[in-house]
Amino acid sequence: MGKADEKQAPVRQSVHVDCPVEDAFRLFTEGFAEWWPLPSCSADEEEPDQCAIEAWVGGRVYERTRSGEEREWGDVTVWEPPSRVEFTWHPEGRRDEGQTVSVEFQVEAGGTRVTLTHYGWHLNAVATCAVSGGLRPGLAGSKPAILNQRFAGFAARMFVAA
């Protein structure tokens, strides 16, 4: 068996956010367009406008261009608010790639632990945005950062200590 055939370990990112688990789940899913780095992680590099996660099993993860064209990035396979959401991931349009993103939300002292696990990330032949931290795909050695920088920063702005 060659290296290309070996099973790759999933990429895991975990971060603490200072908000209740229900709010963390809502911010991740309903607020997806607010924290996802769309300008650098879009299927349409020229005119990305918004992105969304539809709130049901069978719903889409997709982006919409300024001209109204929609590009599907994945399908929601698990919808268990406020503890878990899971979806297939194929922003390049290839459904057969076998990529899956699972996000778990667990109550933790003072807030919520959010853990994102990206399975099959290596199947696209280049690093995907979830792996490259919002940098253009293919940048070797970049650290996972979307969850830690983008989502955690968004959650912090939404729940500034009163």
C-alpha atoms as a PDB file:
ATOM      1  CA  MET A   1       0.000   0.000   0.000  1.00  0.00           C
ATOM      2  CA  GLY A   2       1.455   3.371  -1.027  1.00  0.00           C
ATOM      3  CA  LYS A   3       1.367   6.570   0.959  1.00  0.00           C
ATOM      4  CA  ALA A   4      -1.531   7.862  -1.142  1.00  0.00           C
ATOM      5  CA  ASP A   5      -3.610   4.893   0.016  1.00  0.00           C
ATOM      6  CA  GLU A   6      -2.858   5.258   3.730  1.00  0.00           C
ATOM      7  CA  LYS A   7      -5.640   6.511   5.947  1.00  0.00           C
ATOM      8  CA  GLN A   8      -5.042  10.098   7.009  1.00  0.00           C
ATOM      9  CA  ALA A   9      -5.895  11.221  10.512  1.00  0.00           C
ATOM     10  CA  PRO A  10      -8.694  13.779  10.673  1.00  0.00           C
ATOM     11  CA  VAL A  11      -7.890  17.395  11.451  1.00  0.00           C
ATOM     12  CA  ARG A  12      -9.290  18.497  14.821  1.00  0.00           C
ATOM     13  CA  GLN A  13      -9.685  22.016  16.103  1.00  0.00           C
ATOM     14  CA  SER A  14     -11.099  22.868  19.506  1.00  0.00           C
ATOM     15  CA  VAL A  15     -11.802  26.190  21.142  1.00  0.00           C
ATOM     16  CA  HIS A  16     -13.542  27.538  24.248  1.00  0.00           C
ATOM     17  CA  VAL A  17     -16.136  30.276  23.708  1.00  0.00           C
ATOM     18  CA  ASP A  18     -17.623  32.339  26.531  1.00  0.00           C
ATOM     19  CA  CYS A  19     -21.293  31.712  25.840  1.00  0.00           C
ATOM     20  CA  PRO A  20     -23.921  29.071  26.601  1.00  0.00           C
ATOM     21  CA  VAL A  21     -23.936  25.950  24.428  1.00  0.00           C
ATOM     22  CA  GLU A  22     -27.234  26.945  22.744  1.00  0.00           C
ATOM     23  CA  ASP A  23     -25.750  30.268  21.693  1.00  0.00           C
ATOM     24  CA  ALA A  24     -22.494  28.686  20.486  1.00  0.00           C
ATOM     25  CA  PHE A  25     -24.480  26.289  18.278  1.00  0.00           C
ATOM     26  CA  ARG A  26     -26.646  29.121  16.941  1.00  0.00           C
ATOM     27  CA  LEU A  27     -23.638  31.369  16.245  1.00  0.00           C
ATOM     28  CA  PHE A  28     -21.824  28.576  14.420  1.00  0.00           C
ATOM     29  CA  THR A  29     -24.783  27.598  12.246  1.00  0.00           C
ATOM     30  CA  GLU A  30     -27.040  30.650  11.846  1.00  0.00           C
ATOM     31  CA  GLY A  31     -24.067  33.008  12.006  1.00  0.00           C
ATOM     32  CA  PHE A  32     -21.958  31.032   9.521  1.00  0.00           C
ATOM     33  CA  ALA A  33     -21.864  33.890   7.009  1.00  0.00           C
ATOM     34  CA  GLU A  34     -20.604  36.257   9.706  1.00  0.00           C
ATOM     35  CA  TRP A  35     -17.465  34.319  10.616  1.00  0.00           C
ATOM     36  CA  TRP A  36     -16.572  32.128   7.612  1.00  0.00           C
ATOM     37  CA  PRO A  37     -13.697  33.728   5.594  1.00  0.00           C
ATOM     38  CA  LEU A  38     -15.709  33.834   2.370  1.00  0.00           C
ATOM     39  CA  PRO A  39     -13.372  36.102   0.367  1.00  0.00           C
ATOM     40  CA  SER A  40     -10.494  33.606   0.711  1.00  0.00           C
ATOM     41  CA  CYS A  41     -12.523  30.362   0.943  1.00  0.00           C
ATOM     42  CA  SER A  42     -15.085  30.588  -1.818  1.00  0.00           C
ATOM     43  CA  ALA A  43     -15.814  28.362  -4.797  1.00  0.00           C
ATOM     44  CA  ASP A  44     -16.267  31.608  -6.768  1.00  0.00           C
ATOM     45  CA  GLU A  45     -13.214  33.781  -6.215  1.00  0.00           C
ATOM     46  CA  GLU A  46     -14.608  36.756  -8.097  1.00  0.00           C
ATOM     47  CA  GLU A  47     -18.020  37.494  -6.652  1.00  0.00           C
ATOM     48  CA  PRO A  48     -18.827  35.608  -3.428  1.00  0.00           C
ATOM     49  CA  ASP A  49     -21.648  37.272  -1.513  1.00  0.00           C
ATOM     50  CA  GLN A  50     -22.848  35.043   1.312  1.00  0.00           C
ATOM     51  CA  CYS A  51     -22.828  31.507   2.666  1.00  0.00           C
ATOM     52  CA  ALA A  52     -25.194  29.511   4.861  1.00  0.00           C
ATOM     53  CA  ILE A  53     -25.933  26.241   6.636  1.00  0.00           C
ATOM     54  CA  GLU A  54     -29.559  25.127   6.299  1.00  0.00           C
ATOM     55  CA  ALA A  55     -30.972  24.035   9.664  1.00  0.00           C
ATOM     56  CA  TRP A  56     -32.129  20.469   9.013  1.00  0.00           C
ATOM     57  CA  VAL A  57     -30.848  17.037   7.995  1.00  0.00           C
ATOM     58  CA  GLY A  58     -30.660  17.136   4.210  1.00  0.00           C
ATOM     59  CA  GLY A  59     -30.137  20.907   4.255  1.00  0.00           C
ATOM     60  CA  ARG A  60     -27.329  22.449   2.281  1.00  0.00           C
ATOM     61  CA  VAL A  61     -24.091  24.165   3.140  1.00  0.00           C
ATOM     62  CA  TYR A  62     -23.741  26.622   0.274  1.00  0.00           C
ATOM     63  CA  GLU A  63     -22.596  29.976  -1.003  1.00  0.00           C
ATOM     64  CA  ARG A  64     -24.434  32.510  -3.123  1.00  0.00           C
ATOM     65  CA  THR A  65     -22.714  34.869  -5.553  1.00  0.00           C
ATOM     66  CA  ARG A  66     -23.623  38.517  -6.077  1.00  0.00           C
ATOM     67  CA  SER A  67     -25.434  37.477  -9.252  1.00  0.00           C
ATOM     68  CA  GLY A  68     -27.588  35.024  -7.253  1.00  0.00           C
ATOM     69  CA  GLU A  69     -25.950  31.783  -8.407  1.00  0.00           C
ATOM     70  CA  GLU A  70     -25.723  29.180  -5.646  1.00  0.00           C
ATOM     71  CA  ARG A  71     -22.888  26.699  -5.236  1.00  0.00           C
ATOM     72  CA  GLU A  72     -23.377  23.783  -2.901  1.00  0.00           C
ATOM     73  CA  TRP A  73     -20.487  22.989  -0.563  1.00  0.00           C
ATOM     74  CA  GLY A  74     -22.095  20.101   1.325  1.00  0.00           C
ATOM     75  CA  ASP A  75     -25.169  18.470   2.826  1.00  0.00           C
ATOM     76  CA  VAL A  76     -26.196  18.452   6.479  1.00  0.00           C
ATOM     77  CA  THR A  77     -26.149  14.837   7.697  1.00  0.00           C
ATOM     78  CA  VAL A  78     -26.631  15.376  11.451  1.00  0.00           C
ATOM     79  CA  TRP A  79     -28.620  18.195  13.084  1.00  0.00           C
ATOM     80  CA  GLU A  80     -28.782  17.824  16.887  1.00  0.00           C
ATOM     81  CA  PRO A  81     -29.052  21.295  18.450  1.00  0.00           C
ATOM     82  CA  PRO A  82     -27.359  22.339  20.602  1.00  0.00           C
ATOM     83  CA  SER A  83     -24.837  19.507  20.764  1.00  0.00           C
ATOM     84  CA  ARG A  84     -23.812  18.546  17.228  1.00  0.00           C
ATOM     85  CA  VAL A  85     -23.940  19.352  13.534  1.00  0.00           C
ATOM     86  CA  GLU A  86     -22.285  17.343  10.795  1.00  0.00           C
ATOM     87  CA  PHE A  87     -22.118  17.862   7.051  1.00  0.00           C
ATOM     88  CA  THR A  88     -20.421  16.550   3.949  1.00  0.00           C
ATOM     89  CA  TRP A  89     -17.842  18.919   2.518  1.00  0.00           C
ATOM     90  CA  HIS A  90     -17.308  19.291  -1.220  1.00  0.00           C
ATOM     91  CA  PRO A  91     -16.797  22.981  -2.034  1.00  0.00           C
ATOM     92  CA  GLU A  92     -15.086  22.048  -5.288  1.00  0.00           C
ATOM     93  CA  GLY A  93     -18.317  20.340  -6.363  1.00  0.00           C
ATOM     94  CA  ARG A  94     -17.084  16.728  -6.205  1.00  0.00           C
ATOM     95  CA  ARG A  95     -19.540  14.833  -3.993  1.00  0.00           C
ATOM     96  CA  ASP A  96     -17.488  11.640  -4.212  1.00  0.00           C
ATOM     97  CA  GLU A  97     -14.554  13.064  -2.253  1.00  0.00           C
ATOM     98  CA  GLY A  98     -15.750  11.637   1.059  1.00  0.00           C
ATOM     99  CA  GLN A  99     -15.041  14.705   3.176  1.00  0.00           C
ATOM    100  CA  THR A 100     -17.097  15.203   6.330  1.00  0.00           C
ATOM    101  CA  VAL A 101     -17.044  17.960   8.953  1.00  0.00           C
ATOM    102  CA  SER A 102     -18.390  17.187  12.424  1.00  0.00           C
ATOM    103  CA  VAL A 103     -18.819  19.935  15.036  1.00  0.00           C
ATOM    104  CA  GLU A 104     -19.577  19.156  18.682  1.00  0.00           C
ATOM    105  CA  PHE A 105     -20.648  21.650  21.337  1.00  0.00           C
ATOM    106  CA  GLN A 106     -20.086  20.703  24.997  1.00  0.00           C
ATOM    107  CA  VAL A 107     -20.855  22.653  28.150  1.00  0.00           C
ATOM    108  CA  GLU A 108     -17.638  23.651  29.860  1.00  0.00           C
ATOM    109  CA  ALA A 109     -16.906  25.865  32.861  1.00  0.00           C
ATOM    110  CA  GLY A 110     -17.730  29.434  31.879  1.00  0.00           C
ATOM    111  CA  GLY A 111     -18.979  28.598  28.395  1.00  0.00           C
ATOM    112  CA  THR A 112     -18.800  26.002  25.648  1.00  0.00           C
ATOM    113  CA  ARG A 113     -16.105  23.783  24.141  1.00  0.00           C
ATOM    114  CA  VAL A 114     -16.521  23.676  20.334  1.00  0.00           C
ATOM    115  CA  THR A 115     -14.651  20.875  18.568  1.00  0.00           C
ATOM    116  CA  LEU A 116     -14.510  20.639  14.782  1.00  0.00           C
ATOM    117  CA  THR A 117     -13.265  17.416  13.167  1.00  0.00           C
ATOM    118  CA  HIS A 118     -12.617  17.349   9.415  1.00  0.00           C
ATOM    119  CA  TYR A 119     -12.475  13.810   7.979  1.00  0.00           C
ATOM    120  CA  GLY A 120     -11.149  13.114   4.490  1.00  0.00           C
ATOM    121  CA  TRP A 121      -9.546  16.540   4.150  1.00  0.00           C
ATOM    122  CA  HIS A 122      -6.646  15.052   2.180  1.00  0.00           C
ATOM    123  CA  LEU A 123      -8.850  13.644  -0.593  1.00  0.00           C
ATOM    124  CA  ASN A 124      -9.016  16.907  -2.528  1.00  0.00           C
ATOM    125  CA  ALA A 125      -5.291  16.675  -3.353  1.00  0.00           C
ATOM    126  CA  VAL A 126      -4.758  20.146  -1.874  1.00  0.00           C
ATOM    127  CA  ALA A 127      -5.321  21.466   1.615  1.00  0.00           C
ATOM    128  CA  THR A 128      -8.886  22.706   2.002  1.00  0.00           C
ATOM    129  CA  CYS A 129      -9.808  25.944   3.725  1.00  0.00           C
ATOM    130  CA  ALA A 130     -10.720  24.180   6.954  1.00  0.00           C
ATOM    131  CA  VAL A 131      -7.200  22.787   7.055  1.00  0.00           C
ATOM    132  CA  SER A 132      -5.380  25.869   5.828  1.00  0.00           C
ATOM    133  CA  GLY A 133      -7.045  28.236   8.262  1.00  0.00           C
ATOM    134  CA  GLY A 134      -8.648  30.464   5.684  1.00  0.00           C
ATOM    135  CA  LEU A 135      -5.512  30.796   3.609  1.00  0.00           C
ATOM    136  CA  ARG A 136      -5.655  29.836  -0.044  1.00  0.00           C
ATOM    137  CA  PRO A 137      -5.647  26.055  -0.526  1.00  0.00           C
ATOM    138  CA  GLY A 138      -2.296  24.448  -1.094  1.00  0.00           C
ATOM    139  CA  LEU A 139      -0.221  26.441   1.375  1.00  0.00           C
ATOM    140  CA  ALA A 140       1.922  23.783   2.975  1.00  0.00           C
ATOM    141  CA  GLY A 141       2.479  23.864   6.695  1.00  0.00           C
ATOM    142  CA  SER A 142      -0.307  26.277   7.583  1.00  0.00           C
ATOM    143  CA  LYS A 143      -2.003  25.660  10.930  1.00  0.00           C
ATOM    144  CA  PRO A 144      -5.724  25.051  11.427  1.00  0.00           C
ATOM    145  CA  ALA A 145      -7.143  28.414  12.401  1.00  0.00           C
ATOM    146  CA  ILE A 146     -10.665  29.007  11.129  1.00  0.00           C
ATOM    147  CA  LEU A 147     -12.326  27.782  14.309  1.00  0.00           C
ATOM    148  CA  ASN A 148      -9.765  29.283  16.668  1.00  0.00           C
ATOM    149  CA  GLN A 149      -9.465  32.679  15.039  1.00  0.00           C
ATOM    150  CA  ARG A 150     -12.589  33.336  13.017  1.00  0.00           C
ATOM    151  CA  PHE A 151     -15.375  31.605  14.978  1.00  0.00           C
ATOM    152  CA  ALA A 152     -13.975  32.267  18.472  1.00  0.00           C
ATOM    153  CA  GLY A 153     -13.425  35.922  17.589  1.00  0.00           C
ATOM    154  CA  PHE A 154     -16.975  36.238  16.268  1.00  0.00           C
ATOM    155  CA  ALA A 155     -18.425  34.582  19.383  1.00  0.00           C
ATOM    156  CA  ALA A 156     -16.377  36.894  21.608  1.00  0.00           C
ATOM    157  CA  ARG A 157     -17.691  39.975  19.789  1.00  0.00           C
ATOM    158  CA  MET A 158     -21.255  38.727  20.159  1.00  0.00           C
ATOM    159  CA  PHE A 159     -20.891  38.006  23.884  1.00  0.00           C
ATOM    160  CA  VAL A 160     -18.847  40.871  25.273  1.00  0.00           C
ATOM    161  CA  ALA A 161     -18.842  40.658  29.080  1.00  0.00           C
ATOM    162  CA  ALA A 162     -21.517  42.970  30.446  1.00  0.00           C
END
